[in-house]
C-alpha cells in the first residue's frame, strides 16, 4: 500500500467570507485488479467508515488493514472481473452492515452476511440469477424507504425489492440486454415519485404500483448510452434536468435542460475536443458518475473520470491515456450555469462505479475507486485561505481580471 502526498489543490467556497482549499491524499490500497467498483460502510461498528472493494473490506480511517470476506482472487487487467458493483446495506436487519455485489453484467447478484465481528469468510446469499445493464443501481424506487436493485432481466426494465427479491417489471420486453449502457433514478416530472432514466428517455412512475403496471415511456435522446444518470435541477428553475455521460466507452458528459414543455436541451460539459470545455478538460470513457455536494455550498457536483482499460490496452477511445479523476463544481451565475473542473488525480481514474462519501468525518466527501489499476482512497483535507489565494488557484478560465 502506498500513500502519496497531497499535491492537488481543490477549492471550496463554504461562504462568501470563508475560502477553503482542499488538497487530496491518495491512498493506494492495492495495485491489483479485483473489481470495477467500490463502496463505503462501517462494517466493524467502530464508528469509522470502511470501504469494500473486490473480496476485501478495508478498515478506516487508515485503510491499511484488509479483511477478506470472499475468495481472494485478483484478475488479469486484460480481462474482466466477476465483481462490477459494490453496495452496502443491513439486508437482514441485524444491526450490522452487509455487502451486496453485482457480478459481471448478465450474471448474478449476491449479498454477503456480516458475521458480526467474527473472522473468516462471510456467508454468501445468491438472490438474483441475472441482472442486466452496465450501470445497475441500488436506490429506493417505490418510496418505501428501502433501496431496490434497479436494472433489467429477460429484456424487461424494472427493479427488485430486497425484502422478497421479487422482480417488478416497468416495461414490456424490449432491447435491454446485459451490456446496455446508461441507467438512472430520479423525479423527472416533479410529482414526488421516482422515475427511471435510460439513454432513450425516461419512464414515468404511475400513481399506483399495485399489480406492477407498465410505466409510461417518454422518448428523449440522452446520448448513446453512458453511465449512472441523474435527475437534478441544475439551473435552479424548479425543473429537474438530466445529467449523464454521452458514451461510456467514448466521449462526453452533458446536462440536458428540461424546458417547460417537457423537452430537453443538451449542454455539453466535456466532449471529444479540448475546445468543447472552456477550461480545456478532456478525457475519454466516462463510465461512472457520482452526483454529490463536494464543497458544502448546497449544490450537487459531478464526480467522474476516465475508465482505464475497459477492454484492454487496445480497446475503445484512448485506452492508455492518463486515468484522471475530476470533480466539476456546479456554479449558478448571472450568465448561466458553469461546471468548474478540479483534478483530484491523474493515475487512478474510475471503474464502472465511483463513490464520493465522507470517510474521515470532516463533512466533506472523499472518493473511493476500484478498477484495473487497483483500489484507491482519495482523502480530502481542507484549509482556509484568503480570497486572493483562493482566486489564484482557480482554473485559469475562472479567474476574474
Protein backbone atom coordinates (compact mmCIF):
# COMPACT_ATOMS: atom_id res chain seq x y z
CA UNK A 1 0.00 0.00 0.00
CA UNK A 2 1.30 3.47 -0.89
CA UNK A 3 0.25 6.83 0.49
CA UNK A 4 1.02 9.75 -1.79
CA UNK A 5 1.43 13.31 -0.61
CA UNK A 6 -1.39 15.77 -1.00
CA UNK A 7 -0.37 17.83 -4.01
CA UNK A 8 -3.51 18.62 -5.99
CA UNK A 9 -5.44 21.66 -4.78
CA UNK A 10 -9.20 21.56 -4.99
CA UNK A 11 -11.15 24.61 -3.97
CA UNK A 12 -14.21 25.03 -1.82
CA UNK A 13 -16.21 28.11 -1.09
CA UNK A 14 -18.10 27.45 2.14
CA UNK A 15 -19.44 31.01 2.40
CA UNK A 16 -18.69 34.42 0.85
CA UNK A 17 -16.23 35.13 3.67
CA UNK A 18 -14.81 31.63 4.10
CA UNK A 19 -12.47 30.40 1.35
CA UNK A 20 -11.21 26.81 1.60
CA UNK A 21 -8.59 24.98 -0.42
CA UNK A 22 -8.76 21.20 -0.41
CA UNK A 23 -5.77 19.03 -1.11
CA UNK A 24 -6.02 15.30 -1.72
CA UNK A 25 -4.11 12.49 -0.06
CA UNK A 26 -4.10 9.46 -2.31
CA UNK A 27 -4.01 6.08 -0.62
CA UNK A 28 -3.19 3.20 -2.94
CA UNK A 29 -4.68 0.30 -1.04
CA UNK A 30 -3.72 -2.21 -3.73
CA UNK A 31 -2.32 -2.22 -7.25
CA UNK A 32 -4.14 -5.44 -8.16
CA UNK A 33 -7.34 -5.69 -10.18
CA UNK A 34 -10.12 -7.11 -8.05
CA UNK A 35 -13.22 -5.21 -9.12
CA UNK A 36 -14.65 -2.41 -11.24
CA UNK A 37 -16.34 -0.76 -8.27
CA UNK A 38 -16.02 0.06 -4.57
CA UNK A 39 -18.17 1.48 -1.83
CA UNK A 40 -18.23 2.53 1.84
CA UNK A 41 -19.76 1.34 5.11
CA UNK A 42 -18.96 0.79 8.78
CA UNK A 43 -18.50 -2.99 8.81
CA UNK A 44 -16.99 -3.43 12.28
CA UNK A 45 -19.25 -0.95 14.11
CA UNK A 46 -16.37 1.16 15.42
CA UNK A 47 -17.98 4.40 14.25
CA UNK A 48 -15.41 4.88 11.47
CA UNK A 49 -16.16 4.41 7.80
CA UNK A 50 -14.52 1.49 5.99
CA UNK A 51 -14.51 0.62 2.30
CA UNK A 52 -15.29 -2.50 0.30
CA UNK A 53 -13.57 -3.35 -2.99
CA UNK A 54 -13.36 -6.77 -4.58
CA UNK A 55 -13.15 -9.56 -1.96
CA UNK A 56 -11.99 -7.22 0.80
CA UNK A 57 -13.33 -4.76 3.27
CA UNK A 58 -10.64 -2.33 4.37
CA UNK A 59 -10.60 -0.67 7.78
CA UNK A 60 -10.79 3.08 8.14
CA UNK A 61 -9.52 5.57 8.99
CA UNK A 62 -6.06 4.46 7.76
CA UNK A 63 -7.19 1.96 5.10
CA UNK A 64 -4.18 -0.26 5.66
CA UNK A 65 -5.80 -3.40 7.09
CA UNK A 66 -7.60 -5.61 4.58
CA UNK A 67 -10.08 -8.30 5.59
CA UNK A 68 -11.19 -10.97 3.10
CA UNK A 69 -14.94 -11.57 3.18
CA UNK A 70 -14.89 -13.65 -0.05
CA UNK A 71 -12.40 -15.63 -2.11
CA UNK A 72 -9.18 -13.65 -2.53
CA UNK A 73 -8.66 -13.63 -6.27
CA UNK A 74 -7.03 -10.96 -8.41
CA UNK A 75 -7.74 -10.71 -12.14
CA UNK A 76 -5.76 -10.04 -15.30
CA UNK A 77 -6.41 -6.37 -16.27
CA UNK A 78 -6.62 -7.52 -19.89
CA UNK A 79 -9.77 -9.37 -18.90
CA UNK A 80 -12.71 -8.84 -16.55
CA UNK A 81 -13.82 -9.45 -13.00
CA UNK A 82 -16.97 -11.03 -11.61
CA UNK A 83 -17.33 -8.02 -9.32
CA UNK A 84 -18.62 -4.90 -11.08
CA UNK A 85 -20.57 -3.04 -8.39
CA UNK A 86 -20.48 -2.99 -4.60
CA UNK A 87 -23.26 -1.66 -2.38
CA UNK A 88 -23.78 -1.75 1.38
CA UNK A 89 -26.92 -2.15 3.48
CA UNK A 90 -28.17 -4.05 6.52
CA UNK A 91 -30.06 -6.63 4.47
CA UNK A 92 -31.16 -8.91 7.31
CA UNK A 93 -31.82 -6.06 9.77
CA UNK A 94 -29.50 -7.41 12.46
CA UNK A 95 -27.76 -4.07 13.01
CA UNK A 96 -24.62 -4.93 11.00
CA UNK A 97 -23.82 -3.61 7.53
CA UNK A 98 -23.77 -6.29 4.83
CA UNK A 99 -22.22 -6.22 1.35
CA UNK A 100 -24.13 -6.54 -1.93
CA UNK A 101 -22.17 -7.46 -5.07
CA UNK A 102 -23.40 -7.19 -8.64
CA UNK A 103 -21.25 -9.56 -10.68
CA UNK A 104 -20.44 -9.45 -14.38
CA UNK A 105 -23.26 -7.92 -16.48
CA UNK A 106 -25.92 -10.53 -17.16
CA UNK A 107 -24.90 -12.64 -14.18
CA UNK A 108 -25.89 -12.91 -10.53
CA UNK A 109 -26.36 -10.63 -7.55
CA UNK A 110 -25.33 -11.85 -4.09
CA UNK A 111 -25.28 -10.37 -0.64
CA UNK A 112 -22.69 -11.30 1.96
CA UNK A 113 -23.85 -11.54 5.56
CA UNK A 114 -21.75 -9.63 8.08
CA UNK A 115 -20.54 -12.17 10.70
CA UNK A 116 -20.77 -9.55 13.47
CA UNK A 117 -17.06 -9.21 14.04
CA UNK A 118 -16.15 -12.88 13.71
CA UNK A 119 -13.21 -13.67 11.39
CA UNK A 120 -13.36 -15.65 8.18
CA UNK A 121 -15.47 -15.60 5.01
CA UNK A 122 -18.93 -14.06 5.09
CA UNK A 123 -21.92 -16.20 4.13
CA UNK A 124 -22.87 -15.65 0.52
CA UNK A 125 -26.56 -15.44 -0.39
CA UNK A 126 -27.27 -15.56 -4.12
CA UNK A 127 -30.54 -13.66 -4.61
CA UNK A 128 -30.80 -12.69 -8.30
CA UNK A 129 -29.78 -15.04 -11.11
CA UNK A 130 -29.43 -12.48 -13.87
CA UNK A 131 -29.03 -8.70 -13.66
CA UNK A 132 -28.52 -6.85 -16.94
CA UNK A 133 -27.21 -3.32 -17.64
CA UNK A 134 -23.75 -1.81 -17.15
CA UNK A 135 -24.99 0.84 -14.70
CA UNK A 136 -27.47 -1.02 -12.48
CA UNK A 137 -28.30 0.82 -9.28
CA UNK A 138 -29.31 0.37 -5.65
CA UNK A 139 -31.85 3.12 -5.00
CA UNK A 140 -35.32 3.35 -3.45
CA UNK A 141 -37.72 3.33 -6.40
CA UNK A 142 -41.10 2.61 -4.79
CA UNK A 143 -40.79 5.09 -1.91
CA UNK A 144 -40.84 2.60 0.97
CA UNK A 145 -37.54 3.90 2.36
CA UNK A 146 -35.60 0.75 1.38
CA UNK A 147 -33.22 0.65 -1.60
CA UNK A 148 -34.11 -1.56 -4.55
CA UNK A 149 -31.92 -3.29 -7.13
CA UNK A 150 -32.58 -1.49 -10.42
CA UNK A 151 -31.72 -2.96 -13.82
CA UNK A 152 -33.20 -5.31 -16.37
CA UNK A 153 -33.62 -9.01 -17.00
CA UNK A 154 -35.05 -11.07 -19.86
CA UNK A 155 -35.42 -7.88 -21.89
CA UNK A 156 -37.56 -6.04 -19.32
CA UNK A 157 -36.54 -2.98 -17.31
CA UNK A 158 -37.52 -2.90 -13.65
CA UNK A 159 -36.49 -3.31 -10.03
CA UNK A 160 -36.18 -5.97 -7.35
CA UNK A 161 -37.48 -5.35 -3.82
CA UNK A 162 -34.91 -6.69 -1.37
CA UNK A 163 -37.48 -7.82 1.21
CA UNK A 164 -38.53 -10.70 -1.05
CA UNK A 165 -36.14 -10.34 -4.04
CA UNK A 166 -39.14 -10.15 -6.36
CA UNK A 167 -38.72 -8.54 -9.78
CA UNK A 168 -41.17 -5.76 -10.69
CA UNK A 169 -41.07 -5.02 -14.43
CA UNK A 170 -41.90 -1.49 -15.55
CA UNK A 171 -41.55 -2.01 -19.32
CA UNK A 172 -42.55 -4.56 -21.96
CA UNK A 173 -39.87 -6.86 -23.30
CA UNK A 174 -37.57 -4.76 -25.46
CA UNK A 175 -33.94 -4.14 -26.41
CA UNK A 176 -32.48 -4.37 -22.90
CA UNK A 177 -29.59 -6.81 -22.59
CA UNK A 178 -26.59 -7.44 -20.38
CA UNK A 179 -24.39 -4.76 -21.93
CA UNK A 180 -26.98 -1.98 -22.23
CA UNK A 181 -25.37 1.26 -21.04
CA UNK A 182 -26.89 4.08 -19.01
CA UNK A 183 -29.43 3.98 -16.19
CA UNK A 184 -30.70 6.36 -13.54
CA UNK A 185 -33.40 7.02 -10.99
CA UNK A 186 -34.88 10.43 -10.21
CA UNK A 187 -38.02 12.53 -10.13
CA UNK A 188 -38.08 13.93 -13.67
CA UNK A 189 -41.57 15.49 -13.67
CA UNK A 190 -41.62 16.75 -10.09
CA UNK A 191 -44.57 14.67 -8.88
CA UNK A 192 -42.64 13.31 -5.89
CA UNK A 193 -42.23 9.82 -7.39
CA UNK A 194 -39.02 8.31 -8.67
CA UNK A 195 -38.84 7.79 -12.42
CA UNK A 196 -36.31 5.63 -14.27
CA UNK A 197 -33.93 7.10 -16.84
CA UNK A 198 -32.20 5.42 -19.75
CA UNK A 199 -30.33 6.60 -22.84
CA UNK A 200 -33.53 6.57 -24.88
CA UNK A 201 -35.69 8.56 -22.48
CA UNK A 202 -37.43 8.26 -19.13
CA UNK A 203 -40.13 6.04 -17.68
CA UNK A 204 -42.78 7.83 -15.63
CA UNK A 205 -43.81 6.13 -12.41
CA UNK A 206 -47.62 5.76 -12.25
CA UNK A 207 -49.78 6.90 -9.35
CA UNK A 208 -50.04 3.33 -8.05
CA UNK A 209 -47.60 0.43 -8.33
CA UNK A 210 -50.18 -2.18 -7.36
CA UNK A 211 -50.14 -5.06 -9.81
CA UNK A 212 -46.87 -3.91 -11.42
CA UNK A 213 -48.39 -1.72 -14.16
CA UNK A 214 -46.39 -0.74 -17.21
CA UNK A 215 -44.88 2.73 -16.83
CA UNK A 216 -45.26 5.45 -19.50
CA UNK A 217 -42.17 5.94 -21.65
CA UNK A 218 -41.15 9.48 -22.70
CA UNK A 219 -38.68 9.24 -25.56
CA UNK A 220 -35.65 11.55 -25.33
CA UNK A 221 -32.18 11.01 -26.80
CA UNK A 222 -29.86 11.24 -23.79
CA UNK A 223 -26.70 10.29 -25.68
CA UNK A 224 -25.63 6.87 -26.89
CA UNK A 225 -25.53 5.10 -23.53
CA UNK A 226 -23.27 6.26 -20.75
CA UNK A 227 -23.10 5.60 -17.04
CA UNK A 228 -25.22 6.46 -14.00
CA UNK A 229 -27.85 9.08 -14.84
CA UNK A 230 -29.35 11.71 -12.54
CA UNK A 231 -32.41 13.96 -12.42
CA UNK A 232 -31.39 17.23 -10.76
CA UNK A 233 -32.34 20.88 -11.03
CA UNK A 234 -29.05 22.18 -12.40
CA UNK A 235 -30.02 25.81 -13.12
CA UNK A 236 -32.43 26.36 -10.22
CA UNK A 237 -35.53 26.99 -12.34
CA UNK A 238 -37.64 24.43 -10.47
CA UNK A 239 -37.47 21.78 -13.21
CA UNK A 240 -35.30 18.71 -12.85
CA UNK A 241 -32.74 18.33 -15.60
CA UNK A 242 -30.81 15.19 -16.60
CA UNK A 243 -27.08 14.63 -16.09
CA UNK A 244 -25.35 11.79 -17.93
CA UNK A 245 -22.25 10.75 -19.80
CA UNK A 246 -22.92 10.53 -23.52
CA UNK A 247 -20.96 7.39 -24.38
CA UNK A 248 -19.37 5.20 -21.73
CA UNK A 249 -16.56 3.98 -23.98
CA UNK A 250 -16.26 7.17 -25.99
CA UNK A 251 -16.55 10.83 -25.12
CA UNK A 252 -18.71 13.37 -23.39
CA UNK A 253 -20.62 14.39 -20.29
CA UNK A 254 -23.67 16.66 -20.68
CA UNK A 255 -26.58 18.06 -18.79
CA UNK A 256 -29.94 18.20 -20.51
CA UNK A 257 -32.01 21.22 -19.52
CA UNK A 258 -35.70 20.48 -19.11
CA UNK A 259 -37.94 23.04 -20.74
CA UNK A 260 -41.43 23.97 -19.56
CA UNK A 261 -42.94 21.92 -22.40
CA UNK A 262 -41.13 18.77 -21.24
CA UNK A 263 -38.47 18.79 -23.97
CA UNK A 264 -34.75 18.80 -23.19
CA UNK A 265 -31.86 20.93 -24.46
CA UNK A 266 -28.34 19.47 -24.30
CA UNK A 267 -25.45 21.44 -22.77
CA UNK A 268 -22.02 19.83 -23.12
CA UNK A 269 -19.75 19.80 -20.07
CA UNK A 270 -16.86 17.97 -21.71
CA UNK A 271 -16.53 16.43 -25.15
CA UNK A 272 -14.09 14.81 -27.54
CA UNK A 273 -12.16 18.01 -28.23
CA UNK A 274 -10.33 20.38 -25.90
CA UNK A 275 -12.47 23.20 -27.29
CA UNK A 276 -15.61 21.51 -26.03
CA UNK A 277 -14.74 22.56 -22.48
CA UNK A 278 -13.90 26.20 -21.68
CA UNK A 279 -11.20 25.04 -19.27
CA UNK A 280 -9.63 22.67 -21.80
CA UNK A 281 -10.50 19.49 -19.92
CA UNK A 282 -10.98 16.33 -21.96
CA UNK A 283 -10.86 12.63 -21.16
CA UNK A 284 -12.44 9.56 -22.68
CA UNK A 285 -14.58 6.73 -21.31
CA UNK A 286 -16.57 8.41 -18.50
CA UNK A 287 -18.10 5.07 -17.48
CA UNK A 288 -19.08 6.18 -13.95
CA UNK A 289 -20.58 9.32 -12.41
CA UNK A 290 -21.50 10.31 -8.89
CA UNK A 291 -23.53 13.42 -8.09
CA UNK A 292 -22.67 14.81 -4.65
CA UNK A 293 -22.27 18.21 -2.99
CA UNK A 294 -18.47 18.21 -2.80
CA UNK A 295 -17.97 21.65 -1.27
CA UNK A 296 -20.84 22.28 1.13
CA UNK A 297 -22.42 25.06 -0.92
CA UNK A 298 -25.76 23.25 -1.21
CA UNK A 299 -25.38 22.42 -4.90
CA UNK A 300 -24.56 18.96 -6.19
CA UNK A 301 -21.37 18.49 -8.17
CA UNK A 302 -20.25 15.85 -10.67
CA UNK A 303 -17.51 13.31 -9.87
CA UNK A 304 -16.19 11.35 -12.83
CA UNK A 305 -13.07 10.48 -14.77
CA UNK A 306 -11.56 8.01 -17.19
CA UNK A 307 -12.15 4.28 -17.02
CA UNK A 308 -8.79 2.66 -17.70
CA UNK A 309 -8.52 -0.37 -19.98
CA UNK A 310 -12.24 -1.10 -20.12
CA UNK A 311 -11.49 -3.57 -22.92
CA UNK A 312 -7.74 -3.91 -22.54
CA UNK A 313 -4.84 -1.80 -23.84
CA UNK A 314 -6.11 -1.59 -27.43
CA UNK A 315 -9.86 -1.21 -26.98
CA UNK A 316 -12.09 1.87 -27.13
CA UNK A 317 -11.09 5.54 -27.12
CA UNK A 318 -7.58 6.34 -25.86
CA UNK A 319 -7.25 3.30 -23.60
CA UNK A 320 -3.75 4.27 -22.42
CA UNK A 321 -4.36 7.96 -21.73
CA UNK A 322 -3.88 9.10 -18.11
CA UNK A 323 -6.53 7.69 -15.78
CA UNK A 324 -7.76 11.03 -14.50
CA UNK A 325 -10.29 11.68 -11.76
CA UNK A 326 -12.14 15.03 -11.57
CA UNK A 327 -14.90 16.79 -9.77
CA UNK A 328 -16.88 19.51 -11.53
CA UNK A 329 -18.20 22.28 -9.30
CA UNK A 330 -21.68 23.49 -10.20
CA UNK A 331 -21.83 27.29 -10.26
CA UNK A 332 -25.01 29.25 -10.94
CA UNK A 333 -24.35 32.82 -12.03
CA UNK A 334 -25.93 35.71 -13.85
CA UNK A 335 -24.54 34.35 -17.11
CA UNK A 336 -25.99 30.89 -16.55
CA UNK A 337 -24.53 27.59 -15.37
CA UNK A 338 -20.85 26.67 -15.20
CA UNK A 339 -19.14 23.43 -14.22
CA UNK A 340 -15.67 24.31 -12.90
CA UNK A 341 -13.30 21.32 -13.17
CA UNK A 342 -10.85 20.34 -10.43
CA UNK A 343 -8.47 17.43 -10.89
CA UNK A 344 -8.26 15.03 -7.96
CA UNK A 345 -5.73 12.65 -9.51
CA UNK A 346 -4.25 11.55 -12.84
CA UNK A 347 -3.35 7.92 -12.13
CA UNK A 348 -6.37 6.11 -10.75
CA UNK A 349 -9.44 7.09 -12.76
CA UNK A 350 -12.77 5.31 -12.30
CA UNK A 351 -14.29 1.91 -12.88
CA UNK A 352 -17.93 1.39 -13.74
CA UNK A 353 -18.59 2.87 -10.30
CA UNK A 354 -17.17 5.87 -8.43
CA UNK A 355 -18.36 6.79 -4.94
CA UNK A 356 -17.99 10.12 -3.12
CA UNK A 357 -18.70 9.94 0.62
CA UNK A 358 -17.28 11.35 3.85
CA UNK A 359 -14.69 8.87 5.13
CA UNK A 360 -12.67 10.99 7.56
CA UNK A 361 -15.53 12.75 9.34
CA UNK A 362 -14.77 16.30 8.17
CA UNK A 363 -18.19 16.59 6.49
CA UNK A 364 -16.66 16.82 3.01
CA UNK A 365 -16.92 13.87 0.59
CA UNK A 366 -13.86 11.77 -0.14
CA UNK A 367 -13.64 9.49 -3.19
CA UNK A 368 -13.32 5.69 -3.47
CA UNK A 369 -12.34 3.82 -6.64
CA UNK A 370 -11.86 0.18 -7.58
CA UNK A 371 -10.69 -0.65 -11.10
CA UNK A 372 -7.97 -2.23 -13.24
CA UNK A 373 -5.32 -0.03 -11.68
CA UNK A 374 -6.20 -1.19 -8.17
CA UNK A 375 -8.05 0.11 -5.12
CA UNK A 376 -7.78 3.80 -4.22
CA UNK A 377 -8.99 6.12 -1.50
CA UNK A 378 -8.71 9.87 -2.08
CA UNK A 379 -9.00 11.68 1.24
CA UNK A 380 -9.70 15.39 1.07
CA UNK A 381 -8.14 17.84 3.51
CA UNK A 382 -9.29 21.43 3.91
CA UNK A 383 -7.57 24.68 4.91
CA UNK A 384 -8.90 28.24 4.98
CA UNK A 385 -7.21 30.77 2.72
CA UNK A 386 -7.64 34.40 1.73
CA UNK A 387 -9.87 35.41 -1.15
CA UNK A 388 -6.75 36.30 -3.16
CA UNK A 389 -5.21 32.87 -2.62
CA UNK A 390 -8.50 31.19 -3.46
CA UNK A 391 -8.84 33.05 -6.77
CA UNK A 392 -5.19 32.40 -7.60
CA UNK A 393 -5.79 28.66 -7.51
CA UNK A 394 -8.95 28.64 -9.61
CA UNK A 395 -8.71 27.10 -13.10
CA UNK A 396 -7.34 29.72 -15.49
CA UNK A 397 -10.58 30.47 -17.32
CA UNK A 398 -12.37 31.09 -14.00
CA UNK A 399 -10.05 33.91 -12.88
CA UNK A 400 -11.54 37.37 -12.99
CA UNK A 401 -9.43 40.16 -14.45
